[in-house]
Amino acid sequence: MEEAKLRKYEHALVISGVGVIAFGLWSIIKATICFILVPMEQLSRTNASDDLAELHALGLTDRGIGYLIAVSILFVLVLDFALRLYIGRSAVYDGRRLKKKRFTYVVLAIIVAASLASNLMQRCIALGSNKVEIWANAMASVNVSVVVDITSLLALIEMIIAAIMVRRLRKELGISGKEAE
């Protein structure tokens, strides 16, 4: 009975690990769509704060600031995807007993899930307020992605639960994380 539960949770771990990787790709696609919908000049004018004034004082144009913002966002997206790729691959390896993985990927998954939940709450609060001016057209298309982000969060939560259950069941059954060859 316990071995059947273990196989069930290992399968869930593999499936949700692949889901985490797929949703990492989705975040890159979503950002690309946002950049296509919002011109660079409009992106650089979204928040005329002191920081942007300092960048103007350094000689950057609106277009240059837009490119700087785009490169910064691209860097964060690549970092996010690399993190999700590591988490997803570790979950797949652990679920298939290919490698004995440390619990680090579960801790990283908890951090990514907390970040995603925070982002979703922030987006819901922004929708409730009337602060959306320049981004009105782009936000209308991004709001549809809230459903996909919630699904991504649920895949992360399922992966975390499955990883914890796999660890506990393997310990109870005295099974190591790596398949005997």
N, C-alpha and C. Protein backbone atom coordinates (compact mmCIF):
# COMPACT_ATOMS: atom_id res chain seq x y z
N MET A 1 0.82 -1.20 0.00
CA MET A 1 0.00 0.00 0.00
C MET A 1 0.86 1.27 0.00
N GLU A 2 1.89 1.26 0.84
CA GLU A 2 2.78 2.42 0.91
C GLU A 2 3.59 2.57 -0.38
N GLU A 3 3.94 1.45 -1.01
CA GLU A 3 4.70 1.51 -2.26
C GLU A 3 3.84 2.10 -3.38
N ALA A 4 2.56 1.80 -3.37
CA ALA A 4 1.65 2.38 -4.37
C ALA A 4 1.55 3.89 -4.17
N LYS A 5 1.47 4.32 -2.93
CA LYS A 5 1.44 5.76 -2.64
C LYS A 5 2.73 6.42 -3.11
N LEU A 6 3.85 5.73 -2.86
CA LEU A 6 5.15 6.26 -3.27
C LEU A 6 5.20 6.43 -4.78
N ARG A 7 4.77 5.43 -5.52
CA ARG A 7 4.76 5.53 -6.99
C ARG A 7 3.85 6.66 -7.45
N LYS A 8 2.71 6.82 -6.79
CA LYS A 8 1.77 7.89 -7.13
C LYS A 8 2.43 9.26 -6.94
N TYR A 9 3.08 9.46 -5.81
CA TYR A 9 3.72 10.74 -5.54
C TYR A 9 4.96 10.95 -6.42
N GLU A 10 5.68 9.89 -6.74
CA GLU A 10 6.82 10.03 -7.65
C GLU A 10 6.34 10.45 -9.04
N HIS A 11 5.22 9.86 -9.47
CA HIS A 11 4.65 10.24 -10.77
C HIS A 11 4.20 11.71 -10.74
N ALA A 12 3.55 12.11 -9.67
CA ALA A 12 3.12 13.51 -9.53
C ALA A 12 4.33 14.44 -9.51
N LEU A 13 5.42 14.00 -8.91
CA LEU A 13 6.64 14.80 -8.86
C LEU A 13 7.22 15.00 -10.25
N VAL A 14 7.22 13.95 -11.05
CA VAL A 14 7.73 14.05 -12.43
C VAL A 14 6.85 14.97 -13.26
N ILE A 15 5.54 14.77 -13.20
CA ILE A 15 4.61 15.58 -14.00
C ILE A 15 4.67 17.05 -13.60
N SER A 16 4.66 17.33 -12.31
CA SER A 16 4.71 18.73 -11.90
C SER A 16 6.08 19.35 -12.16
N GLY A 17 7.15 18.55 -12.16
CA GLY A 17 8.47 19.06 -12.53
C GLY A 17 8.51 19.52 -13.98
N VAL A 18 7.90 18.72 -14.86
CA VAL A 18 7.80 19.12 -16.27
C VAL A 18 6.93 20.37 -16.40
N GLY A 19 5.87 20.44 -15.59
CA GLY A 19 5.01 21.62 -15.60
C GLY A 19 5.74 22.88 -15.18
N VAL A 20 6.60 22.77 -14.19
CA VAL A 20 7.38 23.93 -13.73
C VAL A 20 8.28 24.44 -14.86
N ILE A 21 8.89 23.52 -15.60
CA ILE A 21 9.73 23.93 -16.74
C ILE A 21 8.87 24.60 -17.82
N ALA A 22 7.72 24.01 -18.12
CA ALA A 22 6.83 24.57 -19.15
C ALA A 22 6.35 25.97 -18.76
N PHE A 23 6.01 26.16 -17.50
CA PHE A 23 5.56 27.49 -17.07
C PHE A 23 6.71 28.49 -17.04
N GLY A 24 7.94 28.01 -16.90
CA GLY A 24 9.09 28.90 -17.03
C GLY A 24 9.21 29.43 -18.45
N LEU A 25 8.97 28.54 -19.41
CA LEU A 25 8.94 28.98 -20.82
C LEU A 25 7.79 29.96 -21.05
N TRP A 26 6.65 29.71 -20.41
CA TRP A 26 5.50 30.60 -20.56
C TRP A 26 5.83 32.01 -20.08
N SER A 27 6.59 32.14 -19.01
CA SER A 27 6.92 33.48 -18.51
C SER A 27 7.74 34.26 -19.53
N ILE A 28 8.62 33.57 -20.25
CA ILE A 28 9.39 34.25 -21.30
C ILE A 28 8.49 34.64 -22.46
N ILE A 29 7.58 33.75 -22.85
CA ILE A 29 6.65 34.06 -23.94
C ILE A 29 5.75 35.23 -23.55
N LYS A 30 5.27 35.24 -22.31
CA LYS A 30 4.39 36.31 -21.84
C LYS A 30 5.10 37.66 -21.87
N ALA A 31 6.36 37.69 -21.43
CA ALA A 31 7.11 38.94 -21.45
C ALA A 31 7.35 39.42 -22.87
N THR A 32 7.61 38.48 -23.78
CA THR A 32 7.80 38.85 -25.19
C THR A 32 6.53 39.47 -25.76
N ILE A 33 5.40 38.89 -25.44
CA ILE A 33 4.12 39.44 -25.91
C ILE A 33 3.91 40.84 -25.36
N CYS A 34 4.26 41.04 -24.08
CA CYS A 34 4.11 42.38 -23.49
C CYS A 34 4.99 43.40 -24.19
N PHE A 35 6.23 43.00 -24.55
CA PHE A 35 7.12 43.93 -25.25
C PHE A 35 6.63 44.23 -26.65
N ILE A 36 5.96 43.28 -27.27
CA ILE A 36 5.41 43.53 -28.59
C ILE A 36 4.24 44.50 -28.50
N LEU A 37 3.44 44.38 -27.45
CA LEU A 37 2.26 45.23 -27.29
C LEU A 37 2.59 46.64 -26.82
N VAL A 38 3.67 46.79 -26.05
CA VAL A 38 4.01 48.10 -25.49
C VAL A 38 5.27 48.61 -26.18
N PRO A 39 5.19 49.75 -26.90
CA PRO A 39 6.38 50.31 -27.55
C PRO A 39 7.43 50.75 -26.52
N MET A 40 8.70 50.76 -26.93
CA MET A 40 9.81 51.11 -26.04
C MET A 40 9.65 52.51 -25.45
N GLU A 41 9.19 53.47 -26.25
CA GLU A 41 9.06 54.83 -25.75
C GLU A 41 8.03 54.88 -24.63
N GLN A 42 6.95 54.13 -24.77
CA GLN A 42 5.92 54.10 -23.74
C GLN A 42 6.43 53.38 -22.49
N LEU A 43 7.27 52.37 -22.69
CA LEU A 43 7.85 51.65 -21.57
C LEU A 43 8.76 52.54 -20.76
N SER A 44 9.50 53.40 -21.42
CA SER A 44 10.43 54.27 -20.69
C SER A 44 9.70 55.41 -19.98
N ARG A 45 8.46 55.71 -20.38
CA ARG A 45 7.70 56.78 -19.73
C ARG A 45 6.74 56.28 -18.66
N THR A 46 6.79 55.01 -18.30
CA THR A 46 5.82 54.47 -17.37
C THR A 46 5.96 55.03 -15.97
N ASN A 47 7.15 55.35 -15.54
CA ASN A 47 7.35 55.82 -14.18
C ASN A 47 8.42 56.91 -14.19
N ALA A 48 8.00 58.16 -14.21
CA ALA A 48 8.95 59.27 -14.28
C ALA A 48 9.42 59.61 -12.87
N SER A 49 10.25 58.77 -12.30
CA SER A 49 10.74 58.98 -10.94
C SER A 49 12.12 59.65 -10.98
N ASP A 50 12.68 59.82 -9.79
CA ASP A 50 14.00 60.43 -9.67
C ASP A 50 15.07 59.58 -10.34
N ASP A 51 14.89 58.25 -10.28
CA ASP A 51 15.87 57.36 -10.91
C ASP A 51 15.93 57.59 -12.41
N LEU A 52 14.78 57.75 -13.04
CA LEU A 52 14.76 58.00 -14.48
C LEU A 52 15.34 59.38 -14.79
N ALA A 53 15.13 60.33 -13.91
CA ALA A 53 15.71 61.66 -14.11
C ALA A 53 17.23 61.57 -14.04
N GLU A 54 17.74 60.73 -13.14
CA GLU A 54 19.19 60.55 -13.05
C GLU A 54 19.74 59.90 -14.31
N LEU A 55 18.99 58.94 -14.87
CA LEU A 55 19.41 58.31 -16.11
C LEU A 55 19.40 59.31 -17.26
N HIS A 56 18.42 60.21 -17.27
CA HIS A 56 18.39 61.27 -18.29
C HIS A 56 19.60 62.19 -18.11
N ALA A 57 19.97 62.46 -16.86
CA ALA A 57 21.11 63.33 -16.59
C ALA A 57 22.42 62.69 -17.06
N LEU A 58 22.45 61.36 -17.07
CA LEU A 58 23.64 60.66 -17.56
C LEU A 58 23.72 60.65 -19.09
N GLY A 59 22.68 61.13 -19.74
CA GLY A 59 22.70 61.22 -21.19
C GLY A 59 21.90 60.14 -21.90
N LEU A 60 21.14 59.36 -21.18
CA LEU A 60 20.32 58.33 -21.83
C LEU A 60 19.03 58.95 -22.35
N THR A 61 18.66 58.55 -23.54
CA THR A 61 17.40 59.01 -24.12
C THR A 61 16.28 58.11 -23.64
N ASP A 62 15.04 58.48 -23.98
CA ASP A 62 13.89 57.64 -23.63
C ASP A 62 14.03 56.25 -24.24
N ARG A 63 14.50 56.22 -25.47
CA ARG A 63 14.69 54.94 -26.16
C ARG A 63 15.78 54.11 -25.45
N GLY A 64 16.85 54.75 -25.04
CA GLY A 64 17.93 54.07 -24.32
C GLY A 64 17.46 53.52 -22.98
N ILE A 65 16.64 54.31 -22.29
CA ILE A 65 16.09 53.85 -21.02
C ILE A 65 15.16 52.66 -21.25
N GLY A 66 14.39 52.73 -22.32
CA GLY A 66 13.52 51.60 -22.67
C GLY A 66 14.31 50.32 -22.91
N TYR A 67 15.42 50.46 -23.63
CA TYR A 67 16.27 49.29 -23.89
C TYR A 67 16.93 48.79 -22.60
N LEU A 68 17.32 49.71 -21.74
CA LEU A 68 17.90 49.32 -20.45
C LEU A 68 16.89 48.54 -19.62
N ILE A 69 15.65 49.00 -19.61
CA ILE A 69 14.60 48.30 -18.88
C ILE A 69 14.36 46.93 -19.51
N ALA A 70 14.34 46.88 -20.84
CA ALA A 70 14.11 45.61 -21.53
C ALA A 70 15.22 44.60 -21.24
N VAL A 71 16.46 45.05 -21.25
CA VAL A 71 17.59 44.16 -20.97
C VAL A 71 17.53 43.68 -19.52
N SER A 72 17.18 44.58 -18.61
CA SER A 72 17.06 44.19 -17.20
C SER A 72 15.97 43.14 -17.02
N ILE A 73 14.84 43.34 -17.66
CA ILE A 73 13.74 42.37 -17.57
C ILE A 73 14.15 41.06 -18.21
N LEU A 74 14.85 41.11 -19.33
CA LEU A 74 15.32 39.89 -19.98
C LEU A 74 16.27 39.11 -19.08
N PHE A 75 17.16 39.82 -18.39
CA PHE A 75 18.08 39.17 -17.45
C PHE A 75 17.32 38.47 -16.33
N VAL A 76 16.32 39.15 -15.78
CA VAL A 76 15.52 38.55 -14.70
C VAL A 76 14.75 37.34 -15.23
N LEU A 77 14.23 37.43 -16.45
CA LEU A 77 13.51 36.30 -17.04
C LEU A 77 14.41 35.09 -17.27
N VAL A 78 15.62 35.33 -17.73
CA VAL A 78 16.56 34.23 -17.95
C VAL A 78 16.94 33.60 -16.61
N LEU A 79 17.14 34.42 -15.61
CA LEU A 79 17.45 33.92 -14.28
C LEU A 79 16.28 33.10 -13.72
N ASP A 80 15.06 33.61 -13.91
CA ASP A 80 13.85 32.90 -13.46
C ASP A 80 13.72 31.56 -14.19
N PHE A 81 13.95 31.57 -15.49
CA PHE A 81 13.84 30.32 -16.24
C PHE A 81 14.91 29.32 -15.82
N ALA A 82 16.12 29.79 -15.59
CA ALA A 82 17.20 28.89 -15.14
C ALA A 82 16.84 28.27 -13.79
N LEU A 83 16.27 29.06 -12.90
CA LEU A 83 15.86 28.56 -11.60
C LEU A 83 14.75 27.53 -11.74
N ARG A 84 13.75 27.83 -12.56
CA ARG A 84 12.65 26.88 -12.78
C ARG A 84 13.13 25.62 -13.50
N LEU A 85 14.09 25.77 -14.40
CA LEU A 85 14.65 24.60 -15.08
C LEU A 85 15.36 23.69 -14.07
N TYR A 86 16.13 24.29 -13.18
CA TYR A 86 16.80 23.51 -12.15
C TYR A 86 15.78 22.80 -11.25
N ILE A 87 14.77 23.52 -10.81
CA ILE A 87 13.75 22.94 -9.93
C ILE A 87 13.02 21.80 -10.65
N GLY A 88 12.60 22.06 -11.89
CA GLY A 88 11.85 21.05 -12.64
C GLY A 88 12.68 19.81 -12.94
N ARG A 89 13.91 20.00 -13.38
CA ARG A 89 14.78 18.84 -13.68
C ARG A 89 15.09 18.05 -12.42
N SER A 90 15.32 18.75 -11.33
CA SER A 90 15.58 18.05 -10.07
C SER A 90 14.38 17.22 -9.64
N ALA A 91 13.19 17.77 -9.82
CA ALA A 91 11.97 17.03 -9.47
C ALA A 91 11.81 15.80 -10.36
N VAL A 92 12.08 15.95 -11.66
CA VAL A 92 11.97 14.81 -12.58
C VAL A 92 12.99 13.75 -12.20
N TYR A 93 14.24 14.14 -11.95
CA TYR A 93 15.27 13.18 -11.57
C TYR A 93 14.93 12.47 -10.27
N ASP A 94 14.43 13.25 -9.32
CA ASP A 94 14.08 12.67 -8.03
C ASP A 94 12.87 11.73 -8.16
N GLY A 95 11.89 12.13 -8.95
CA GLY A 95 10.69 11.31 -9.13
C GLY A 95 10.96 10.02 -9.88
N ARG A 96 11.89 10.06 -10.80
CA ARG A 96 12.23 8.85 -11.56
C ARG A 96 13.36 8.05 -10.94
N ARG A 97 13.87 8.52 -9.82
CA ARG A 97 14.97 7.88 -9.09
C ARG A 97 16.24 7.78 -9.94
N LEU A 98 16.46 8.78 -10.78
CA LEU A 98 17.67 8.79 -11.60
C LEU A 98 18.87 9.27 -10.79
N LYS A 99 18.65 10.25 -9.94
CA LYS A 99 19.70 10.79 -9.08
C LYS A 99 19.08 11.08 -7.72
N LYS A 100 19.87 10.92 -6.70
CA LYS A 100 19.40 11.32 -5.38
C LYS A 100 19.63 12.82 -5.27
N LYS A 101 18.55 13.55 -5.24
CA LYS A 101 18.64 15.01 -5.19
C LYS A 101 18.50 15.50 -3.75
N ARG A 102 19.18 16.57 -3.47
CA ARG A 102 19.05 17.18 -2.15
C ARG A 102 17.72 17.91 -2.06
N PHE A 103 17.39 18.31 -0.88
CA PHE A 103 16.12 18.97 -0.63
C PHE A 103 16.15 20.44 -1.07
N THR A 104 17.29 20.89 -1.59
CA THR A 104 17.47 22.28 -1.99
C THR A 104 16.44 22.72 -3.02
N TYR A 105 16.13 21.85 -3.98
CA TYR A 105 15.19 22.25 -5.02
C TYR A 105 13.80 22.50 -4.46
N VAL A 106 13.45 21.83 -3.37
CA VAL A 106 12.14 22.06 -2.75
C VAL A 106 12.13 23.43 -2.07
N VAL A 107 13.21 23.79 -1.43
CA VAL A 107 13.32 25.11 -0.79
C VAL A 107 13.25 26.20 -1.86
N LEU A 108 13.96 25.99 -2.97
CA LEU A 108 13.90 26.96 -4.07
C LEU A 108 12.49 27.04 -4.65
N ALA A 109 11.80 25.90 -4.74
CA ALA A 109 10.43 25.89 -5.24
C ALA A 109 9.50 26.67 -4.30
N ILE A 110 9.74 26.56 -3.01
CA ILE A 110 8.93 27.32 -2.05
C ILE A 110 9.17 28.82 -2.24
N ILE A 111 10.41 29.21 -2.48
CA ILE A 111 10.72 30.63 -2.71
C ILE A 111 10.06 31.12 -3.99
N VAL A 112 10.13 30.33 -5.07
CA VAL A 112 9.50 30.72 -6.34
C VAL A 112 7.98 30.79 -6.17
N ALA A 113 7.40 29.84 -5.45
CA ALA A 113 5.94 29.85 -5.22
C ALA A 113 5.52 31.08 -4.42
N ALA A 114 6.31 31.42 -3.40
CA ALA A 114 6.00 32.62 -2.61
C ALA A 114 6.09 33.88 -3.46
N SER A 115 7.10 33.93 -4.32
CA SER A 115 7.25 35.07 -5.22
C SER A 115 6.08 35.16 -6.20
N LEU A 116 5.67 34.03 -6.72
CA LEU A 116 4.55 34.00 -7.67
C LEU A 116 3.25 34.38 -6.98
N ALA A 117 3.04 33.90 -5.76
CA ALA A 117 1.83 34.25 -5.01
C ALA A 117 1.81 35.75 -4.70
N SER A 118 2.97 36.29 -4.34
CA SER A 118 3.06 37.72 -4.08
C SER A 118 2.75 38.54 -5.34
N ASN A 119 3.30 38.09 -6.47
CA ASN A 119 3.04 38.76 -7.74
C ASN A 119 1.56 38.72 -8.09
N LEU A 120 0.92 37.58 -7.88
CA LEU A 120 -0.50 37.46 -8.18
C LEU A 120 -1.34 38.37 -7.28
N MET A 121 -1.01 38.42 -6.00
CA MET A 121 -1.75 39.31 -5.09
C MET A 121 -1.55 40.77 -5.48
N GLN A 122 -0.33 41.12 -5.85
CA GLN A 122 -0.03 42.49 -6.27
C GLN A 122 -0.83 42.86 -7.52
N ARG A 123 -0.93 41.91 -8.45
CA ARG A 123 -1.69 42.15 -9.67
C ARG A 123 -3.18 42.31 -9.39
N CYS A 124 -3.70 41.52 -8.47
CA CYS A 124 -5.12 41.62 -8.11
C CYS A 124 -5.40 42.95 -7.43
N ILE A 125 -4.48 43.42 -6.59
CA ILE A 125 -4.65 44.72 -5.94
C ILE A 125 -4.60 45.84 -6.98
N ALA A 126 -3.69 45.72 -7.95
CA ALA A 126 -3.59 46.74 -9.00
C ALA A 126 -4.85 46.76 -9.86
N LEU A 127 -5.46 45.60 -10.07
CA LEU A 127 -6.70 45.57 -10.84
C LEU A 127 -7.83 46.26 -10.09
N GLY A 128 -7.83 46.15 -8.76
CA GLY A 128 -8.86 46.76 -7.95
C GLY A 128 -8.74 48.27 -7.89
N SER A 129 -7.54 48.78 -8.01
CA SER A 129 -7.35 50.23 -7.98
C SER A 129 -7.41 50.78 -9.40
N ASN A 130 -7.53 52.06 -9.51
CA ASN A 130 -7.60 52.71 -10.83
C ASN A 130 -6.27 53.36 -11.19
N LYS A 131 -5.16 52.72 -10.86
CA LYS A 131 -3.84 53.27 -11.14
C LYS A 131 -3.35 52.90 -12.53
N VAL A 132 -4.11 52.14 -13.26
CA VAL A 132 -3.68 51.65 -14.57
C VAL A 132 -4.01 52.73 -15.60
N GLU A 133 -2.97 53.43 -16.08
CA GLU A 133 -3.18 54.48 -17.06
C GLU A 133 -2.50 54.14 -18.38
N ILE A 134 -1.18 54.22 -18.39
CA ILE A 134 -0.42 53.96 -19.61
C ILE A 134 -0.52 52.50 -20.02
N TRP A 135 -0.57 51.63 -19.03
CA TRP A 135 -0.54 50.20 -19.29
C TRP A 135 -1.93 49.62 -19.58
N ALA A 136 -2.94 50.44 -19.73
CA ALA A 136 -4.32 49.95 -19.86
C ALA A 136 -4.46 48.90 -20.96
N ASN A 137 -3.93 49.18 -22.15
CA ASN A 137 -4.06 48.21 -23.24
C ASN A 137 -3.25 46.94 -22.99
N ALA A 138 -2.05 47.11 -22.51
CA ALA A 138 -1.20 45.94 -22.25
C ALA A 138 -1.73 45.13 -21.08
N MET A 139 -2.22 45.79 -20.05
CA MET A 139 -2.72 45.09 -18.88
C MET A 139 -3.94 44.25 -19.20
N ALA A 140 -4.76 44.71 -20.14
CA ALA A 140 -5.94 43.93 -20.51
C ALA A 140 -5.53 42.56 -21.04
N SER A 141 -4.45 42.50 -21.80
CA SER A 141 -3.99 41.21 -22.31
C SER A 141 -3.22 40.42 -21.26
N VAL A 142 -2.56 41.11 -20.34
CA VAL A 142 -1.80 40.42 -19.30
C VAL A 142 -2.74 39.82 -18.25
N ASN A 143 -3.89 40.44 -18.03
CA ASN A 143 -4.83 39.92 -17.04
C ASN A 143 -5.30 38.52 -17.38
N VAL A 144 -5.34 38.20 -18.64
CA VAL A 144 -5.70 36.86 -19.05
C VAL A 144 -4.67 35.85 -18.55
N SER A 145 -3.44 36.28 -18.45
CA SER A 145 -2.37 35.38 -18.01
C SER A 145 -2.43 35.08 -16.52
N VAL A 146 -3.28 35.76 -15.78
CA VAL A 146 -3.43 35.47 -14.36
C VAL A 146 -3.85 34.02 -14.15
N VAL A 147 -4.73 33.53 -15.00
CA VAL A 147 -5.18 32.15 -14.89
C VAL A 147 -4.01 31.18 -15.08
N VAL A 148 -3.15 31.47 -16.04
CA VAL A 148 -1.99 30.62 -16.29
C VAL A 148 -1.01 30.72 -15.11
N ASP A 149 -0.85 31.90 -14.54
CA ASP A 149 0.04 32.04 -13.40
C ASP A 149 -0.50 31.31 -12.17
N ILE A 150 -1.80 31.29 -12.00
CA ILE A 150 -2.40 30.53 -10.90
C ILE A 150 -2.15 29.04 -11.11
N THR A 151 -2.26 28.58 -12.35
CA THR A 151 -1.98 27.19 -12.66
C THR A 151 -0.51 26.87 -12.40
N SER A 152 0.37 27.78 -12.73
CA SER A 152 1.80 27.61 -12.45
C SER A 152 2.04 27.49 -10.95
N LEU A 153 1.37 28.32 -10.18
CA LEU A 153 1.49 28.28 -8.73
C LEU A 153 0.99 26.93 -8.19
N LEU A 154 -0.12 26.46 -8.73
CA LEU A 154 -0.65 25.17 -8.28
C LEU A 154 0.30 24.02 -8.64
N ALA A 155 0.95 24.10 -9.80
CA ALA A 155 1.93 23.06 -10.18
C ALA A 155 3.11 23.07 -9.21
N LEU A 156 3.55 24.25 -8.82
CA LEU A 156 4.64 24.35 -7.84
C LEU A 156 4.23 23.78 -6.49
N ILE A 157 3.02 24.11 -6.07
CA ILE A 157 2.54 23.61 -4.78
C ILE A 157 2.41 22.09 -4.82
N GLU A 158 1.89 21.56 -5.91
CA GLU A 158 1.77 20.11 -6.05
C GLU A 158 3.16 19.44 -6.03
N MET A 159 4.12 20.07 -6.69
CA MET A 159 5.47 19.52 -6.71
C MET A 159 6.09 19.52 -5.31
N ILE A 160 5.87 20.59 -4.56
CA ILE A 160 6.41 20.68 -3.20
C ILE A 160 5.81 19.59 -2.32
N ILE A 161 4.49 19.43 -2.39
CA ILE A 161 3.83 18.41 -1.59
C ILE A 161 4.29 17.02 -1.99
N ALA A 162 4.38 16.76 -3.29
CA ALA A 162 4.82 15.45 -3.77
C ALA A 162 6.25 15.16 -3.34
N ALA A 163 7.13 16.16 -3.38
CA ALA A 163 8.52 15.96 -2.98
C ALA A 163 8.62 15.62 -1.50
N ILE A 164 7.84 16.31 -0.69
CA ILE A 164 7.85 16.04 0.75
C ILE A 164 7.31 14.64 1.03
N MET A 165 6.23 14.27 0.35
CA MET A 165 5.64 12.94 0.56
C MET A 165 6.58 11.83 0.07
N VAL A 166 7.26 12.06 -1.05
CA VAL A 166 8.21 11.07 -1.57
C VAL A 166 9.33 10.87 -0.56
N ARG A 167 9.85 11.95 -0.02
CA ARG A 167 10.93 11.85 0.98
C ARG A 167 10.46 11.05 2.20
N ARG A 168 9.27 11.38 2.66
CA ARG A 168 8.76 10.71 3.86
C ARG A 168 8.49 9.23 3.60
N LEU A 169 7.87 8.90 2.46
CA LEU A 169 7.57 7.51 2.15
C LEU A 169 8.84 6.70 1.89
N ARG A 170 9.81 7.30 1.23
CA ARG A 170 11.08 6.59 1.01
C ARG A 170 11.78 6.30 2.33
N LYS A 171 11.69 7.24 3.23
CA LYS A 171 12.31 7.04 4.54
C LYS A 171 11.59 5.92 5.29
N GLU A 172 10.26 5.91 5.25
CA GLU A 172 9.48 4.86 5.91
C GLU A 172 9.78 3.48 5.33
N LEU A 173 9.91 3.42 4.00
CA LEU A 173 10.14 2.14 3.34
C LEU A 173 11.61 1.76 3.29
N GLY A 174 12.49 2.67 3.67
CA GLY A 174 13.92 2.39 3.64
C GLY A 174 14.48 2.32 2.24
N ILE A 175 13.91 3.09 1.32
CA ILE A 175 14.35 3.12 -0.07
C ILE A 175 15.23 4.35 -0.27
N SER A 176 16.36 4.16 -0.97
CA SER A 176 17.20 5.32 -1.27
C SER A 176 16.60 6.05 -2.46
N GLY A 177 17.03 7.27 -2.69
CA GLY A 177 16.49 8.07 -3.77
C GLY A 177 16.97 7.67 -5.13
N LYS A 178 18.02 6.84 -5.21
CA LYS A 178 18.56 6.46 -6.51
C LYS A 178 18.24 5.01 -6.81
N GLU A 179 17.81 4.77 -8.03
CA GLU A 179 17.45 3.42 -8.47
C GLU A 179 18.69 2.54 -8.45
N ALA A 180 18.55 1.35 -7.91
CA ALA A 180 19.67 0.40 -7.90
C ALA A 180 19.91 -0.10 -9.31
N GLU A 181 21.18 -0.10 -9.73
CA GLU A 181 21.49 -0.49 -11.11
C GLU A 181 21.90 -1.93 -11.18
